[in-house]
Amino acid sequence: MDQRISTDVVNHRSGDYAPIGDQEDPKLGMFDKPLPCFGWGIGWFSLLLGFVFPVMWYYATFLYFSKYYQKDPRERTGLEASAVAALICTVAVLIVLAVFVIKALFP
């Protein structure tokens, strides 16, 4: 038994923590780091910031289609939400433009 890795409560109180990892699966502790953008991730941060600057939705959509989430799977849902927001924004802008064009052609 390895003496360096202990789950004893006494060792935890003194601040002697051992890194969690698995020899068979090295990806186990890979996503222990906090997400960027205040812990929200780029996708969710872009979704929220997109209500002020809609260009952020298109930036997140580009990241989604370039498979940025393969680096960190936790980013996938936020990037998907931003892609949906970009789609809704695009459809709304096209409808508004169509209404303006129709009103301009047929006064």
C-alpha atoms as a PDB file:
ATOM      1  CA  MET A   1       0.000   0.000   0.000  1.00  0.00           C
ATOM      2  CA  ASP A   2       1.295   3.439  -0.942  1.00  0.00           C
ATOM      3  CA  GLN A   3       1.861   5.546   2.168  1.00  0.00           C
ATOM      4  CA  ARG A   4       1.724   8.882   0.314  1.00  0.00           C
ATOM      5  CA  ILE A   5      -1.941   8.532  -0.698  1.00  0.00           C
ATOM      6  CA  SER A   6      -4.155   8.438   2.347  1.00  0.00           C
ATOM      7  CA  THR A   7      -7.836   8.976   2.901  1.00  0.00           C
ATOM      8  CA  ASP A   8      -7.345   9.380   6.624  1.00  0.00           C
ATOM      9  CA  VAL A   9      -9.165  12.388   8.084  1.00  0.00           C
ATOM     10  CA  VAL A  10      -6.106  13.349  10.141  1.00  0.00           C
ATOM     11  CA  ASN A  11      -4.012  13.829   6.995  1.00  0.00           C
ATOM     12  CA  HIS A  12      -6.710  15.985   5.408  1.00  0.00           C
ATOM     13  CA  ARG A  13      -6.876  18.261   8.435  1.00  0.00           C
ATOM     14  CA  SER A  14      -3.171  18.963   8.233  1.00  0.00           C
ATOM     15  CA  GLY A  15      -3.492  19.953   4.574  1.00  0.00           C
ATOM     16  CA  ASP A  16      -1.780  16.882   3.108  1.00  0.00           C
ATOM     17  CA  TYR A  17      -3.990  16.211   0.129  1.00  0.00           C
ATOM     18  CA  ALA A  18      -3.085  13.696  -2.529  1.00  0.00           C
ATOM     19  CA  PRO A  19      -3.952  14.298  -6.163  1.00  0.00           C
ATOM     20  CA  ILE A  20      -6.803  12.175  -7.413  1.00  0.00           C
ATOM     21  CA  GLY A  21      -5.891  10.190 -10.472  1.00  0.00           C
ATOM     22  CA  ASP A  22      -6.214   6.785 -11.973  1.00  0.00           C
ATOM     23  CA  GLN A  23      -3.358   4.894 -13.542  1.00  0.00           C
ATOM     24  CA  GLU A  24      -5.687   3.132 -15.972  1.00  0.00           C
ATOM     25  CA  ASP A  25      -7.592   6.269 -17.047  1.00  0.00           C
ATOM     26  CA  PRO A  26      -5.348   9.361 -17.131  1.00  0.00           C
ATOM     27  CA  LYS A  27      -8.263  11.562 -18.318  1.00  0.00           C
ATOM     28  CA  LEU A  28      -9.995  11.166 -14.949  1.00  0.00           C
ATOM     29  CA  GLY A  29      -8.552  14.336 -13.441  1.00  0.00           C
ATOM     30  CA  MET A  30      -8.260  16.191 -16.732  1.00  0.00           C
ATOM     31  CA  PHE A  31     -11.324  18.396 -16.227  1.00  0.00           C
ATOM     32  CA  ASP A  32     -10.707  19.370 -12.614  1.00  0.00           C
ATOM     33  CA  LYS A  33      -9.622  22.842 -13.725  1.00  0.00           C
ATOM     34  CA  PRO A  34     -12.258  25.575 -13.535  1.00  0.00           C
ATOM     35  CA  LEU A  35     -13.767  26.796 -16.765  1.00  0.00           C
ATOM     36  CA  PRO A  36     -12.621  30.133 -18.226  1.00  0.00           C
ATOM     37  CA  CYS A  37     -14.795  33.266 -18.027  1.00  0.00           C
ATOM     38  CA  PHE A  38     -15.500  33.238 -14.299  1.00  0.00           C
ATOM     39  CA  GLY A  39     -16.156  29.501 -14.226  1.00  0.00           C
ATOM     40  CA  TRP A  40     -19.045  29.669 -16.698  1.00  0.00           C
ATOM     41  CA  GLY A  41     -17.244  28.577 -19.806  1.00  0.00           C
ATOM     42  CA  ILE A  42     -16.957  30.414 -23.088  1.00  0.00           C
ATOM     43  CA  GLY A  43     -20.326  29.238 -24.405  1.00  0.00           C
ATOM     44  CA  TRP A  44     -22.467  30.374 -21.480  1.00  0.00           C
ATOM     45  CA  PHE A  45     -20.501  33.586 -21.123  1.00  0.00           C
ATOM     46  CA  SER A  46     -21.044  34.291 -24.835  1.00  0.00           C
ATOM     47  CA  LEU A  47     -24.740  33.538 -24.471  1.00  0.00           C
ATOM     48  CA  LEU A  48     -25.165  36.060 -21.675  1.00  0.00           C
ATOM     49  CA  LEU A  49     -22.918  38.670 -23.236  1.00  0.00           C
ATOM     50  CA  GLY A  50     -24.704  38.151 -26.568  1.00  0.00           C
ATOM     51  CA  PHE A  51     -27.805  39.925 -25.302  1.00  0.00           C
ATOM     52  CA  VAL A  52     -25.694  43.098 -25.245  1.00  0.00           C
ATOM     53  CA  PHE A  53     -23.320  42.232 -28.135  1.00  0.00           C
ATOM     54  CA  PRO A  54     -25.026  39.682 -30.452  1.00  0.00           C
ATOM     55  CA  VAL A  55     -21.734  39.143 -32.292  1.00  0.00           C
ATOM     56  CA  MET A  56     -20.686  36.967 -29.347  1.00  0.00           C
ATOM     57  CA  TRP A  57     -23.360  34.426 -30.323  1.00  0.00           C
ATOM     58  CA  TYR A  58     -21.791  34.096 -33.759  1.00  0.00           C
ATOM     59  CA  TYR A  59     -18.337  33.774 -32.231  1.00  0.00           C
ATOM     60  CA  ALA A  60     -19.565  30.919 -30.015  1.00  0.00           C
ATOM     61  CA  THR A  61     -21.309  29.343 -33.015  1.00  0.00           C
ATOM     62  CA  PHE A  62     -18.014  29.398 -34.904  1.00  0.00           C
ATOM     63  CA  LEU A  63     -16.343  27.702 -31.924  1.00  0.00           C
ATOM     64  CA  TYR A  64     -19.118  25.107 -31.818  1.00  0.00           C
ATOM     65  CA  PHE A  65     -18.813  24.236 -35.503  1.00  0.00           C
ATOM     66  CA  SER A  66     -15.030  24.116 -35.248  1.00  0.00           C
ATOM     67  CA  LYS A  67     -15.477  21.480 -32.490  1.00  0.00           C
ATOM     68  CA  TYR A  68     -13.913  23.547 -29.712  1.00  0.00           C
ATOM     69  CA  TYR A  69     -15.839  21.396 -27.226  1.00  0.00           C
ATOM     70  CA  GLN A  70     -13.573  18.433 -27.945  1.00  0.00           C
ATOM     71  CA  LYS A  71     -10.900  20.174 -25.856  1.00  0.00           C
ATOM     72  CA  ASP A  72     -13.320  20.353 -22.921  1.00  0.00           C
ATOM     73  CA  PRO A  73     -16.714  18.607 -23.187  1.00  0.00           C
ATOM     74  CA  ARG A  74     -18.152  20.844 -20.473  1.00  0.00           C
ATOM     75  CA  GLU A  75     -18.221  23.673 -23.025  1.00  0.00           C
ATOM     76  CA  ARG A  76     -20.590  21.887 -25.404  1.00  0.00           C
ATOM     77  CA  THR A  77     -23.951  22.892 -23.902  1.00  0.00           C
ATOM     78  CA  GLY A  78     -23.079  26.575 -23.649  1.00  0.00           C
ATOM     79  CA  LEU A  79     -21.800  26.639 -27.215  1.00  0.00           C
ATOM     80  CA  GLU A  80     -24.970  24.887 -28.401  1.00  0.00           C
ATOM     81  CA  ALA A  81     -27.136  27.423 -26.576  1.00  0.00           C
ATOM     82  CA  SER A  82     -25.217  30.270 -28.199  1.00  0.00           C
ATOM     83  CA  ALA A  83     -25.640  28.656 -31.627  1.00  0.00           C
ATOM     84  CA  VAL A  84     -29.404  28.457 -31.082  1.00  0.00           C
ATOM     85  CA  ALA A  85     -29.461  32.103 -29.966  1.00  0.00           C
ATOM     86  CA  ALA A  86     -27.534  33.079 -33.104  1.00  0.00           C
ATOM     87  CA  LEU A  87     -30.029  31.176 -35.255  1.00  0.00           C
ATOM     88  CA  ILE A  88     -32.999  32.892 -33.582  1.00  0.00           C
ATOM     89  CA  CYS A  89     -31.313  36.283 -33.942  1.00  0.00           C
ATOM     90  CA  THR A  90     -30.601  35.656 -37.627  1.00  0.00           C
ATOM     91  CA  VAL A  91     -34.199  34.603 -38.333  1.00  0.00           C
ATOM     92  CA  ALA A  92     -35.541  37.650 -36.481  1.00  0.00           C
ATOM     93  CA  VAL A  93     -33.262  40.010 -38.410  1.00  0.00           C
ATOM     94  CA  LEU A  94     -34.268  38.407 -41.737  1.00  0.00           C
ATOM     95  CA  ILE A  95     -37.971  38.777 -40.903  1.00  0.00           C
ATOM     96  CA  VAL A  96     -37.508  42.430 -39.945  1.00  0.00           C
ATOM     97  CA  LEU A  97     -35.559  43.103 -43.143  1.00  0.00           C
ATOM     98  CA  ALA A  98     -38.222  41.341 -45.216  1.00  0.00           C
ATOM     99  CA  VAL A  99     -40.936  43.486 -43.643  1.00  0.00           C
ATOM    100  CA  PHE A 100     -38.968  46.670 -44.366  1.00  0.00           C
ATOM    101  CA  VAL A 101     -38.361  45.643 -47.985  1.00  0.00           C
ATOM    102  CA  ILE A 102     -42.025  44.767 -48.529  1.00  0.00           C
ATOM    103  CA  LYS A 103     -43.151  48.063 -46.976  1.00  0.00           C
ATOM    104  CA  ALA A 104     -40.654  49.975 -49.160  1.00  0.00           C
ATOM    105  CA  LEU A 105     -41.797  48.235 -52.354  1.00  0.00           C
ATOM    106  CA  PHE A 106     -45.537  48.427 -51.639  1.00  0.00           C
ATOM    107  CA  PRO A 107     -46.278  51.665 -49.765  1.00  0.00           C
END
